[in-house]
PDB file of N, CA and C in Angstrom:
ATOM      1  N   MET A   1       3.540  29.245   8.466  1.00  0.00           N
ATOM      2  CA  MET A   1       2.181  28.888   8.100  1.00  0.00           C
ATOM      3  C   MET A   1       2.142  27.463   7.570  1.00  0.00           C
ATOM      4  N   PRO A   2       1.132  26.685   7.966  1.00  0.00           N
ATOM      5  CA  PRO A   2       1.006  25.316   7.453  1.00  0.00           C
ATOM      6  C   PRO A   2       0.792  25.326   5.940  1.00  0.00           C
ATOM      7  N   LYS A   3       1.228  24.260   5.301  1.00  0.00           N
ATOM      8  CA  LYS A   3       1.034  24.144   3.860  1.00  0.00           C
ATOM      9  C   LYS A   3       0.161  22.921   3.603  1.00  0.00           C
ATOM     10  N   ALA A   4      -0.956  23.125   2.935  1.00  0.00           N
ATOM     11  CA  ALA A   4      -1.855  22.039   2.568  1.00  0.00           C
ATOM     12  C   ALA A   4      -1.885  21.948   1.050  1.00  0.00           C
ATOM     13  N   ILE A   5      -1.846  20.747   0.546  1.00  0.00           N
ATOM     14  CA  ILE A   5      -1.881  20.502  -0.896  1.00  0.00           C
ATOM     15  C   ILE A   5      -3.076  19.609  -1.183  1.00  0.00           C
ATOM     16  N   LEU A   6      -3.894  20.024  -2.125  1.00  0.00           N
ATOM     17  CA  LEU A   6      -5.062  19.241  -2.524  1.00  0.00           C
ATOM     18  C   LEU A   6      -4.823  18.717  -3.932  1.00  0.00           C
ATOM     19  N   THR A   7      -4.945  17.405  -4.096  1.00  0.00           N
ATOM     20  CA  THR A   7      -4.780  16.769  -5.403  1.00  0.00           C
ATOM     21  C   THR A   7      -6.037  15.970  -5.703  1.00  0.00           C
ATOM     22  N   VAL A   8      -6.644  16.202  -6.855  1.00  0.00           N
ATOM     23  CA  VAL A   8      -7.850  15.487  -7.270  1.00  0.00           C
ATOM     24  C   VAL A   8      -7.568  14.854  -8.622  1.00  0.00           C
ATOM     25  N   ASN A   9      -7.766  13.543  -8.703  1.00  0.00           N
ATOM     26  CA  ASN A   9      -7.475  12.799  -9.936  1.00  0.00           C
ATOM     27  C   ASN A   9      -6.073  13.116 -10.447  1.00  0.00           C
ATOM     28  N   GLU A  10      -5.117  13.129  -9.511  1.00  0.00           N
ATOM     29  CA  GLU A  10      -3.708  13.379  -9.781  1.00  0.00           C
ATOM     30  C   GLU A  10      -3.452  14.776 -10.356  1.00  0.00           C
ATOM     31  N   ARG A  11      -4.392  15.691 -10.163  1.00  0.00           N
ATOM     32  CA  ARG A  11      -4.228  17.084 -10.602  1.00  0.00           C
ATOM     33  C   ARG A  11      -4.183  17.973  -9.363  1.00  0.00           C
ATOM     34  N   LYS A  12      -3.110  18.736  -9.232  1.00  0.00           N
ATOM     35  CA  LYS A  12      -2.939  19.617  -8.087  1.00  0.00           C
ATOM     36  C   LYS A  12      -3.904  20.795  -8.197  1.00  0.00           C
ATOM     37  N   ILE A  13      -4.680  20.994  -7.128  1.00  0.00           N
ATOM     38  CA  ILE A  13      -5.655  22.077  -7.088  1.00  0.00           C
ATOM     39  C   ILE A  13      -5.064  23.212  -6.247  1.00  0.00           C
ATOM     40  N   PRO A  14      -4.909  24.395  -6.813  1.00  0.00           N
ATOM     41  CA  PRO A  14      -4.329  25.496  -6.047  1.00  0.00           C
ATOM     42  C   PRO A  14      -5.279  25.964  -4.942  1.00  0.00           C
ATOM     43  N   LEU A  15      -4.730  26.195  -3.747  1.00  0.00           N
ATOM     44  CA  LEU A  15      -5.506  26.681  -2.611  1.00  0.00           C
ATOM     45  C   LEU A  15      -4.928  28.003  -2.137  1.00  0.00           C
ATOM     46  N   LYS A  16      -5.795  28.958  -1.874  1.00  0.00           N
ATOM     47  CA  LYS A  16      -5.353  30.225  -1.289  1.00  0.00           C
ATOM     48  C   LYS A  16      -4.930  29.963   0.150  1.00  0.00           C
ATOM     49  N   ASP A  17      -4.155  30.886   0.713  1.00  0.00           N
ATOM     50  CA  ASP A  17      -3.650  30.730   2.085  1.00  0.00           C
ATOM     51  C   ASP A  17      -4.770  30.442   3.077  1.00  0.00           C
ATOM     52  N   PHE A  18      -5.881  31.154   2.950  1.00  0.00           N
ATOM     53  CA  PHE A  18      -7.009  30.961   3.861  1.00  0.00           C
ATOM     54  C   PHE A  18      -7.525  29.524   3.807  1.00  0.00           C
ATOM     55  N   MET A  19      -7.664  28.976   2.600  1.00  0.00           N
ATOM     56  CA  MET A  19      -8.165  27.608   2.442  1.00  0.00           C
ATOM     57  C   MET A  19      -7.170  26.585   2.975  1.00  0.00           C
ATOM     58  N   GLN A  20      -5.862  26.832   2.775  1.00  0.00           N
ATOM     59  CA  GLN A  20      -4.848  25.934   3.312  1.00  0.00           C
ATOM     60  C   GLN A  20      -4.933  25.891   4.832  1.00  0.00           C
ATOM     61  N   GLU A  21      -5.061  27.069   5.445  1.00  0.00           N
ATOM     62  CA  GLU A  21      -5.128  27.142   6.901  1.00  0.00           C
ATOM     63  C   GLU A  21      -6.406  26.493   7.429  1.00  0.00           C
ATOM     64  N   MET A  22      -7.521  26.725   6.752  1.00  0.00           N
ATOM     65  CA  MET A  22      -8.793  26.138   7.179  1.00  0.00           C
ATOM     66  C   MET A  22      -8.747  24.607   7.084  1.00  0.00           C
ATOM     67  N   LEU A  23      -8.259  24.088   5.976  1.00  0.00           N
ATOM     68  CA  LEU A  23      -8.154  22.639   5.799  1.00  0.00           C
ATOM     69  C   LEU A  23      -7.241  22.027   6.858  1.00  0.00           C
ATOM     70  N   THR A  24      -6.121  22.682   7.125  1.00  0.00           N
ATOM     71  CA  THR A  24      -5.185  22.204   8.147  1.00  0.00           C
ATOM     72  C   THR A  24      -5.841  22.179   9.520  1.00  0.00           C
ATOM     73  N   ASN A  25      -6.560  23.234   9.870  1.00  0.00           N
ATOM     74  CA  ASN A  25      -7.215  23.301  11.180  1.00  0.00           C
ATOM     75  C   ASN A  25      -8.304  22.248  11.339  1.00  0.00           C
ATOM     76  N   ILE A  26      -9.053  21.983  10.282  1.00  0.00           N
ATOM     77  CA  ILE A  26     -10.095  20.950  10.330  1.00  0.00           C
ATOM     78  C   ILE A  26      -9.469  19.589  10.601  1.00  0.00           C
ATOM     79  N   ILE A  27      -8.412  19.252   9.866  1.00  0.00           N
ATOM     80  CA  ILE A  27      -7.755  17.953  10.024  1.00  0.00           C
ATOM     81  C   ILE A  27      -7.101  17.839  11.397  1.00  0.00           C
ATOM     82  N   GLN A  28      -6.425  18.898  11.856  1.00  0.00           N
ATOM     83  CA  GLN A  28      -5.790  18.859  13.172  1.00  0.00           C
ATOM     84  C   GLN A  28      -6.838  18.705  14.271  1.00  0.00           C
ATOM     85  N   GLY A  29      -7.980  19.362  14.142  1.00  0.00           N
ATOM     86  CA  GLY A  29      -9.056  19.215  15.115  1.00  0.00           C
ATOM     87  C   GLY A  29      -9.580  17.791  15.148  1.00  0.00           C
ATOM     88  N   PHE A  30      -9.755  17.188  13.994  1.00  0.00           N
ATOM     89  CA  PHE A  30     -10.203  15.798  13.907  1.00  0.00           C
ATOM     90  C   PHE A  30      -9.199  14.865  14.575  1.00  0.00           C
ATOM     91  N   LEU A  31      -7.920  15.066  14.276  1.00  0.00           N
ATOM     92  CA  LEU A  31      -6.884  14.182  14.810  1.00  0.00           C
ATOM     93  C   LEU A  31      -6.673  14.374  16.305  1.00  0.00           C
ATOM     94  N   SER A  32      -6.905  15.574  16.823  1.00  0.00           N
ATOM     95  CA  SER A  32      -6.683  15.818  18.249  1.00  0.00           C
ATOM     96  C   SER A  32      -7.637  15.010  19.122  1.00  0.00           C
ATOM     97  N   SER A  33      -8.763  14.595  18.569  1.00  0.00           N
ATOM     98  CA  SER A  33      -9.707  13.795  19.342  1.00  0.00           C
ATOM     99  C   SER A  33      -9.671  12.314  18.954  1.00  0.00           C
ATOM    100  N   THR A  34      -8.671  11.927  18.175  1.00  0.00           N
ATOM    101  CA  THR A  34      -8.530  10.537  17.732  1.00  0.00           C
ATOM    102  C   THR A  34      -7.433   9.848  18.529  1.00  0.00           C
ATOM    103  N   LYS A  35      -7.781   8.695  19.099  1.00  0.00           N
ATOM    104  CA  LYS A  35      -6.801   7.938  19.894  1.00  0.00           C
ATOM    105  C   LYS A  35      -5.678   7.421  19.006  1.00  0.00           C
ATOM    106  N   GLY A  36      -4.469   7.403  19.556  1.00  0.00           N
ATOM    107  CA  GLY A  36      -3.322   6.822  18.870  1.00  0.00           C
ATOM    108  C   GLY A  36      -2.547   7.793  17.995  1.00  0.00           C
ATOM    109  N   VAL A  37      -3.018   9.022  17.863  1.00  0.00           N
ATOM    110  CA  VAL A  37      -2.319  10.011  17.039  1.00  0.00           C
ATOM    111  C   VAL A  37      -1.347  10.771  17.938  1.00  0.00           C
ATOM    112  N   PRO A  38      -0.072  10.843  17.573  1.00  0.00           N
ATOM    113  CA  PRO A  38       0.904  11.565  18.393  1.00  0.00           C
ATOM    114  C   PRO A  38       0.529  13.040  18.524  1.00  0.00           C
ATOM    115  N   GLU A  39       0.861  13.628  19.674  1.00  0.00           N
ATOM    116  CA  GLU A  39       0.571  15.042  19.906  1.00  0.00           C
ATOM    117  C   GLU A  39       1.342  15.949  18.953  1.00  0.00           C
ATOM    118  N   ASN A  40       2.619  15.667  18.779  1.00  0.00           N
ATOM    119  CA  ASN A  40       3.471  16.499  17.930  1.00  0.00           C
ATOM    120  C   ASN A  40       3.562  15.891  16.537  1.00  0.00           C
ATOM    121  N   THR A  41       2.748  16.384  15.638  1.00  0.00           N
ATOM    122  CA  THR A  41       2.791  15.890  14.259  1.00  0.00           C
ATOM    123  C   THR A  41       3.405  16.956  13.365  1.00  0.00           C
ATOM    124  N   GLU A  42       4.183  16.520  12.404  1.00  0.00           N
ATOM    125  CA  GLU A  42       4.800  17.434  11.452  1.00  0.00           C
ATOM    126  C   GLU A  42       4.200  17.284  10.065  1.00  0.00           C
ATOM    127  N   THR A  43       3.845  16.059   9.731  1.00  0.00           N
ATOM    128  CA  THR A  43       3.296  15.763   8.398  1.00  0.00           C
ATOM    129  C   THR A  43       2.099  14.856   8.545  1.00  0.00           C
ATOM    130  N   ILE A  44       1.036  15.166   7.819  1.00  0.00           N
ATOM    131  CA  ILE A  44      -0.171  14.340   7.799  1.00  0.00           C
ATOM    132  C   ILE A  44      -0.513  14.096   6.337  1.00  0.00           C
ATOM    133  N   LYS A  45      -0.715  12.842   5.967  1.00  0.00           N
ATOM    134  CA  LYS A  45      -1.137  12.514   4.606  1.00  0.00           C
ATOM    135  C   LYS A  45      -2.474  11.795   4.681  1.00  0.00           C
ATOM    136  N   ILE A  46      -3.416  12.210   3.849  1.00  0.00           N
ATOM    137  CA  ILE A  46      -4.733  11.581   3.784  1.00  0.00           C
ATOM    138  C   ILE A  46      -5.016  11.248   2.334  1.00  0.00           C
ATOM    139  N   GLU A  47      -5.433  10.026   2.082  1.00  0.00           N
ATOM    140  CA  GLU A  47      -5.810   9.619   0.723  1.00  0.00           C
ATOM    141  C   GLU A  47      -7.222   9.065   0.785  1.00  0.00           C
ATOM    142  N   ILE A  48      -8.096   9.572  -0.051  1.00  0.00           N
ATOM    143  CA  ILE A  48      -9.491   9.130  -0.084  1.00  0.00           C
ATOM    144  C   ILE A  48      -9.787   8.633  -1.503  1.00  0.00           C
ATOM    145  N   THR A  49     -10.275   7.415  -1.588  1.00  0.00           N
ATOM    146  CA  THR A  49     -10.670   6.845  -2.876  1.00  0.00           C
ATOM    147  C   THR A  49     -12.181   6.741  -2.897  1.00  0.00           C
ATOM    148  N   LEU A  50     -12.802   7.323  -3.890  1.00  0.00           N
ATOM    149  CA  LEU A  50     -14.263   7.291  -4.008  1.00  0.00           C
ATOM    150  C   LEU A  50     -14.696   6.310  -5.062  1.00  0.00           C
TER     151      LEU A  50
END
């Protein structure tokens, strides 16, 4: 099973298995339609600054 970690303001937010899988699927779907992203990915890191 994929593992997703959510950190907000440097505080780790616990995610249930369902939420980890949903977040992973959303990101993988986004990346699958983005040019330049390798087909076989093992690790994806996203950082958002607001």
